[in-house]
Protein backbone atom coordinates (compact mmCIF):
# COMPACT_ATOMS: atom_id res chain seq x y z
CA MET A 1 -5.09 -30.62 -98.40
CA GLY A 2 -5.47 -28.92 -102.03
CA VAL A 3 -5.38 -31.55 -104.56
CA TRP A 4 -6.37 -30.84 -108.01
CA GLY A 5 -5.33 -33.99 -110.06
CA ALA A 6 -4.36 -37.61 -109.67
CA ARG A 7 -0.42 -36.70 -110.44
CA LEU A 8 1.99 -37.33 -107.76
CA TYR A 9 2.56 -32.91 -107.61
CA SER A 10 -1.22 -32.11 -108.32
CA GLY A 11 -1.67 -30.83 -105.01
CA ASP A 12 -1.08 -27.53 -102.99
CA PHE A 13 1.14 -29.74 -100.11
CA ALA A 14 3.03 -31.93 -102.73
CA MET A 15 4.28 -28.62 -104.65
CA ASP A 16 5.07 -26.98 -101.44
CA LEU A 17 6.97 -29.90 -99.90
CA ARG A 18 8.74 -30.58 -103.43
CA SER A 19 10.19 -26.81 -102.44
CA THR A 20 10.79 -27.23 -99.24
CA ILE A 21 12.92 -30.34 -99.96
CA GLY A 22 14.98 -28.70 -102.49
CA ALA A 23 16.08 -26.23 -99.96
CA VAL A 24 16.75 -28.87 -97.38
CA ALA A 25 18.83 -30.78 -100.23
CA ARG A 26 21.11 -28.18 -100.34
CA LEU A 27 22.52 -29.01 -96.70
CA PRO A 28 25.42 -31.05 -96.38
CA PHE A 29 24.17 -34.01 -94.44
CA GLY A 30 23.21 -37.74 -95.45
CA GLY A 31 19.79 -38.84 -96.26
CA ASP A 32 18.80 -40.13 -92.57
CA GLU A 33 19.17 -36.36 -91.10
CA LEU A 34 17.49 -34.94 -94.12
CA LEU A 35 14.62 -37.07 -93.57
CA ASP A 36 14.63 -36.34 -89.83
CA ILE A 37 14.73 -32.72 -90.66
CA LEU A 38 11.59 -32.95 -93.32
CA CYS A 39 9.87 -34.69 -90.63
CA ASP A 40 10.38 -31.95 -87.96
CA THR A 41 8.95 -29.34 -90.49
CA GLU A 42 5.89 -31.32 -91.32
CA SER A 43 5.59 -33.39 -88.30
CA ALA A 44 1.73 -34.08 -88.67
CA ALA A 45 2.11 -35.24 -92.26
CA ALA A 46 5.34 -37.45 -91.65
CA ASN A 47 3.80 -38.81 -88.22
CA ALA A 48 -0.02 -38.83 -88.19
CA ARG A 49 -1.02 -41.84 -90.61
CA ASP A 50 -4.73 -40.24 -90.33
CA ASP A 51 -3.41 -37.10 -91.81
CA PRO A 52 -4.66 -36.52 -95.31
CA ASP A 53 -1.13 -35.64 -96.25
CA HIS A 54 0.81 -38.27 -94.89
CA THR A 55 0.73 -40.62 -97.88
CA THR A 56 1.46 -37.68 -99.95
CA PHE A 57 4.56 -36.90 -97.58
CA TRP A 58 6.10 -40.35 -97.86
CA LEU A 59 5.71 -40.66 -101.73
CA VAL A 60 6.98 -37.02 -102.70
CA VAL A 61 10.00 -37.24 -100.45
CA ALA A 62 10.91 -40.72 -101.44
CA ASP A 63 10.87 -39.39 -105.23
CA GLN A 64 12.61 -36.33 -104.44
CA PHE A 65 15.25 -38.13 -102.92
CA ALA A 66 15.66 -40.67 -105.66
CA LYS A 67 15.78 -37.71 -108.18
CA ARG A 68 18.25 -36.28 -106.43
CA GLY A 69 20.47 -39.20 -105.83
CA ILE A 70 20.11 -38.80 -101.83
CA VAL A 71 20.27 -42.34 -100.25
CA CYS A 72 17.61 -43.13 -97.43
CA ALA A 73 16.28 -46.42 -96.66
CA ARG A 74 13.55 -45.19 -94.59
CA ALA A 75 12.09 -42.70 -96.77
CA ARG A 76 12.08 -45.42 -99.91
CA ASP A 77 10.61 -48.14 -97.60
CA GLY A 78 8.10 -45.97 -96.06
CA ALA A 79 6.73 -45.22 -99.44
CA LEU A 80 7.06 -48.66 -100.96
CA ALA A 81 4.66 -49.80 -98.00
CA ILE A 82 2.41 -46.80 -98.79
CA ILE A 83 2.36 -48.18 -102.86
CA ASP A 84 2.46 -51.61 -102.05
CA THR A 85 -0.99 -51.90 -99.09
CA GLY A 86 -2.92 -49.24 -101.48
CA SER A 87 -3.07 -46.90 -98.21
CA ASP A 88 -2.33 -43.71 -100.89
CA LEU A 89 -5.53 -44.93 -103.26
CA ALA A 90 -7.57 -45.22 -99.89
CA THR A 91 -6.85 -41.92 -98.68
CA LEU A 92 -7.64 -40.48 -101.61
CA GLU A 93 -10.83 -42.37 -102.33
CA ARG A 94 -11.83 -41.37 -98.89
CA LEU A 95 -10.95 -37.78 -99.86
CA GLY A 96 -13.45 -37.96 -102.73
CA MET A 97 -11.10 -38.57 -105.81
CA ARG A 98 -13.41 -39.89 -109.00
CA PRO A 99 -12.58 -43.86 -109.89
CA ALA A 100 -11.22 -42.38 -113.16
CA ASP A 101 -8.58 -40.32 -111.75
CA LEU A 102 -7.97 -43.13 -109.21
CA ALA A 103 -6.95 -45.24 -112.04
CA VAL A 104 -4.78 -42.98 -113.34
CA ARG A 105 -3.17 -42.29 -109.77
CA ARG A 106 -2.38 -46.28 -109.86
CA HIS A 107 0.01 -45.72 -113.20
CA VAL A 108 1.63 -42.86 -111.51
CA LEU A 109 2.20 -44.97 -108.16
CA ALA A 110 3.91 -47.70 -110.75
CA GLU A 111 5.94 -45.11 -111.94
CA VAL A 112 7.24 -43.84 -108.67
CA ARG A 113 7.98 -47.29 -107.27
CA THR A 114 10.28 -47.84 -110.30
CA ARG A 115 11.81 -44.58 -109.39
CA ILE A 116 12.53 -44.96 -105.84
CA VAL A 117 13.42 -48.79 -106.34
CA ALA A 118 15.96 -48.24 -108.78
CA PRO A 119 17.23 -44.20 -108.78
CA LEU A 120 19.17 -43.05 -111.81
CA PRO A 121 22.65 -42.15 -110.51
CA ARG A 122 23.52 -38.66 -110.75
CA ALA A 123 25.90 -37.20 -113.09
CA GLY A 124 27.78 -35.67 -110.28
CA PRO A 125 27.95 -34.73 -106.52
CA ARG A 126 24.60 -33.50 -105.34
CA PRO A 127 25.49 -29.56 -104.83
CA VAL A 128 25.31 -28.39 -101.28
CA LEU A 129 26.27 -25.63 -99.19
CA LYS A 130 30.12 -25.66 -98.46
CA ASN A 131 29.87 -22.69 -95.79
CA PRO A 132 26.93 -21.40 -93.91
CA GLN A 133 24.78 -18.56 -95.28
CA PRO A 134 26.13 -15.14 -93.98
CA LEU A 135 24.66 -13.14 -91.78
CA LEU A 136 23.59 -10.00 -93.38
CA MET A 137 21.80 -8.34 -90.64
CA GLU A 138 22.95 -8.25 -87.10
CA VAL A 139 20.74 -7.89 -83.71
CA GLY A 140 19.77 -4.60 -83.38
CA ASP A 141 20.46 -3.32 -86.68
CA VAL A 142 17.63 -0.57 -87.59
CA PHE A 143 16.64 0.04 -91.23
CA ALA A 144 14.01 2.40 -92.80
CA TYR A 145 12.54 1.21 -96.09
CA PRO A 146 10.14 2.63 -98.79
CA THR A 147 6.68 1.47 -98.75
CA PHE A 148 3.29 1.65 -100.96
CA GLY A 149 0.36 1.80 -99.40
CA GLY A 150 2.16 -0.17 -95.93
CA HIS A 151 3.51 -2.65 -98.58
CA CYS A 152 7.26 -3.25 -98.95
CA ILE A 153 8.97 -3.72 -102.33
CA ASN A 154 8.33 -7.73 -103.15
CA ALA A 155 12.06 -8.89 -103.59
CA TYR A 156 10.66 -11.77 -105.61
CA PHE A 157 10.40 -9.25 -108.51
CA LYS A 158 13.54 -8.45 -110.66
CA SER A 159 12.03 -4.73 -110.65
CA LYS A 160 9.47 -3.13 -108.18
CA GLU A 161 7.78 -1.94 -111.55
CA GLN A 162 7.06 -5.50 -112.48
CA ASP A 163 4.83 -5.98 -109.20
CA ASN A 164 1.90 -4.86 -110.57
CA LYS A 165 -1.44 -6.20 -108.68
CA TYR A 166 -2.20 -3.12 -106.64
CA ALA A 167 -5.60 -1.73 -107.08
CA GLY A 168 -5.51 2.15 -108.67
CA ALA A 169 -8.14 4.39 -109.35
CA GLY A 170 -11.04 2.59 -110.88
CA GLY A 171 -9.96 -0.73 -109.33
CA ARG A 172 -7.22 -0.64 -112.46
CA PRO A 173 -4.04 -2.49 -111.46
CA VAL A 174 -0.82 -0.38 -110.88
CA ALA A 175 2.45 -0.97 -110.13
CA TRP A 176 4.05 -0.43 -106.82
CA THR A 177 4.89 2.99 -106.44
CA GLN A 178 6.38 4.53 -103.03
CA ASP A 179 4.19 6.84 -101.14
CA GLY A 180 5.79 6.22 -97.74
CA TRP A 181 8.27 4.59 -95.08
CA SER A 182 8.52 1.99 -92.69
CA ALA A 183 11.33 0.94 -90.42
CA CYS A 184 11.89 -2.17 -88.61
CA VAL A 185 14.55 -3.12 -86.02
CA ILE A 186 16.16 -7.11 -86.18
CA VAL A 187 15.22 -8.29 -82.72
CA ASP A 188 16.69 -12.22 -83.71
CA ARG A 189 18.89 -13.53 -86.51
CA GLY A 190 20.39 -17.22 -86.42
CA ARG A 191 21.17 -19.96 -88.88
CA ALA A 192 18.97 -23.38 -89.16
CA PHE A 193 21.20 -26.68 -88.81
CA GLY A 194 24.01 -24.32 -88.53
CA PHE A 195 23.54 -23.22 -92.45
CA LEU A 196 20.52 -21.51 -93.23
CA SER A 197 19.87 -17.83 -92.20
CA TRP A 198 16.81 -16.39 -90.80
CA TYR A 199 16.15 -13.00 -89.07
CA ARG A 200 13.26 -11.68 -86.89
CA PRO A 201 12.20 -8.14 -87.36
CA LEU A 202 10.26 -5.87 -85.22
CA THR A 203 8.44 -3.38 -87.60
CA ILE A 204 6.68 0.21 -86.72
CA SER A 205 2.87 -0.23 -87.07
CA MET A 206 2.09 2.50 -89.59
CA ALA A 207 3.86 3.54 -92.65
CA ILE A 208 4.82 7.21 -92.42
CA ALA A 209 5.16 9.83 -95.09
CA GLN A 210 8.81 10.99 -94.30
CA LYS A 211 12.15 8.58 -94.18
CA PRO A 212 12.13 8.64 -90.05
CA ALA A 213 15.40 9.37 -88.19
CA LEU A 214 16.42 7.12 -85.69
CA ALA A 215 15.68 9.31 -82.88
CA ALA A 216 12.07 9.70 -84.09
CA LEU A 217 11.61 5.64 -83.76
CA ARG A 218 11.88 6.41 -79.67
CA GLY A 219 8.99 6.98 -77.34
CA ASP A 220 5.62 6.34 -77.82
CA VAL A 221 5.81 3.99 -80.91
CA LEU A 222 3.50 0.76 -81.71
CA TRP A 223 5.87 -1.72 -82.67
CA ARG A 224 4.72 -5.36 -84.01
CA LEU A 225 6.70 -8.31 -84.03
CA ALA A 226 6.81 -9.70 -87.68
CA HIS A 227 7.13 -13.28 -88.89
CA HIS A 228 10.63 -14.89 -89.50
CA GLY A 229 11.95 -14.36 -92.91
CA THR A 230 15.09 -15.31 -94.96
CA CYS A 231 16.96 -12.56 -96.85
CA SER A 232 19.68 -12.88 -99.33
CA PRO A 233 22.10 -10.47 -100.94
CA VAL A 234 19.68 -9.86 -103.86
CA HIS A 235 16.54 -9.29 -101.49
CA LEU A 236 18.23 -7.21 -99.44
CA ARG A 237 19.13 -4.85 -102.38
CA ARG A 238 15.71 -5.09 -103.75
CA LEU A 239 14.18 -4.15 -100.92
CA GLU A 240 16.17 -0.73 -100.67
CA MET A 241 16.72 -1.22 -97.16
CA GLU A 242 18.77 1.87 -95.16
CA LYS A 243 20.58 1.32 -92.17
CA LEU A 244 19.66 4.07 -89.78
CA GLY A 245 22.03 2.81 -86.79
CA THR A 246 21.75 0.03 -84.38
CA LEU A 247 20.30 -0.27 -80.97
CA PRO A 248 20.93 -2.65 -77.97
CA ILE A 249 18.66 -4.87 -77.84
CA ASP A 250 18.22 -6.78 -74.13
CA PRO A 251 17.53 -10.81 -74.87
CA GLU A 252 16.03 -11.10 -71.23
CA LYS A 253 13.78 -7.94 -72.02
CA LEU A 254 12.81 -9.17 -75.43
CA ARG A 255 11.81 -12.54 -74.26
CA HIS A 256 9.69 -11.01 -71.56
CA ALA A 257 8.26 -8.60 -74.33
CA PHE A 258 7.57 -11.50 -76.30
CA PRO A 259 7.42 -14.99 -74.58
CA GLY A 260 7.63 -17.90 -76.48
CA LEU A 261 10.00 -16.18 -79.34
CA ALA A 262 11.19 -19.37 -81.16
CA PRO A 263 14.03 -19.67 -84.01
CA GLY A 264 13.23 -19.11 -87.65
CA THR A 265 14.12 -22.68 -88.44
CA TRP A 266 10.45 -23.05 -90.33
CA ALA A 267 11.14 -20.24 -92.59
CA ALA A 268 14.86 -20.77 -93.45
CA VAL A 269 13.68 -24.53 -94.60
CA ASN A 270 11.27 -23.18 -96.93
CA ASP A 271 13.11 -19.90 -97.74
CA ILE A 272 10.32 -17.55 -97.05
CA SER A 273 11.65 -14.18 -97.64
CA ILE A 274 11.69 -11.62 -95.17
CA CYS A 275 9.88 -9.03 -97.56
CA ASN A 276 6.69 -11.19 -96.72
CA GLY A 277 6.86 -9.99 -93.20
CA LEU A 278 7.74 -6.11 -93.95
CA LYS A 279 4.30 -4.70 -94.77
CA VAL A 280 2.46 -2.29 -92.14
CA GLY A 281 -0.19 -0.38 -91.79
CA PRO A 282 -2.44 0.25 -93.66
CA ALA A 283 -2.03 -2.70 -96.04
CA VAL A 284 -1.78 -4.50 -91.73
CA PRO A 285 -5.28 -3.75 -90.54
CA ASP A 286 -5.14 -2.24 -87.22
CA ALA A 287 -7.30 -5.01 -85.71
CA LEU A 288 -4.01 -7.00 -86.38
CA MET A 289 -2.13 -4.79 -84.56
CA PRO A 290 -3.86 -4.14 -81.17
CA ARG A 291 -2.24 -1.82 -78.32
CA PRO A 292 -1.22 -4.08 -75.59
CA GLY A 293 -4.07 -4.65 -73.02
CA GLU A 294 -6.67 -3.72 -75.63
CA PRO A 295 -9.25 -6.18 -76.78
CA VAL A 296 -8.15 -8.80 -79.22
CA ASN A 297 -10.22 -9.00 -82.36
CA ASN A 298 -10.04 -12.11 -84.43
CA THR A 299 -12.19 -10.83 -87.71
CA TRP A 300 -8.70 -11.02 -89.84
CA GLY A 301 -6.75 -13.68 -88.20
CA ARG A 302 -4.50 -13.67 -85.19
CA PRO A 303 -3.39 -10.57 -84.04
CA TYR A 304 0.67 -9.68 -84.11
CA PRO A 305 2.29 -9.04 -80.79
CA THR A 306 3.28 -5.54 -80.00
CA ILE A 307 4.80 -3.11 -77.75
CA VAL A 308 4.51 0.40 -77.20
CA GLY A 309 8.12 2.14 -76.83
CA ILE A 310 11.19 0.41 -78.64
CA GLU A 311 12.70 1.10 -74.98
CA GLN A 312 11.12 -1.64 -73.47
CA ILE A 313 13.29 -4.28 -75.14
CA LEU A 314 16.84 -2.31 -75.08
CA SER A 315 19.73 -2.35 -72.54
CA SER A 316 19.71 0.01 -69.84
């Protein structure tokens, strides 16, 4: 729990949850259905009373629902119980919040209570998705995309030149500048709740000097299963992905190669772009991409699942 102030949104969890609610609120569902989705997405905070984010979850949900004109008695009543019993203040005091900040928090809770008891009516209907988001990539689509030190283009920036966080000579920051290529194949895709599109890419492990041809991706090539991600038309364009062709992914072979393959609901709800998962070596350490059967090194975190040879997951 990253709390750095007494305000309702003065913490990492509250800020992230507000963004999640903004994404979920686009779904054309009622308040109870939206709350169920949020409870599933943040199950520990929503359901475990001893979780340090439990009170924040219900307060933020009720506050955001009130501001957005979303009617949900369960969210409102849960937040009111937390405020009236003092459990939020007790949680923050246990986490080390100072008395002066707790006094500020009491005023914040009073303001929240006023908002959720008598929410202001919206000027118009809540804007929601009228149609499911389009599926821009299909299972089996193979793409090449440019890299810089293994990093793909950061699609959150309007232009790649604005992304200047990289270390150059002497440690001076430099802008993203292409020095290589990577490739990926979409091995899974779908829509969360029938509306929010997501994709699962499998990337080659290491950036290469030249743009690959489809045939060059066959054979003894190490592939890494990347995280799920969303991809809007804008992000797809900014990533400068070039389609090389299509490979026949076999669903059963895919599940055998990567047991426990889950849908991308979390990424879709939180609108996590696919660009967060497309970086490859050297930006991704070798220790995170061990070949199957090699010893696992957890120094850098949990290693990615890998396969050698894309043929392992293709139809005969």
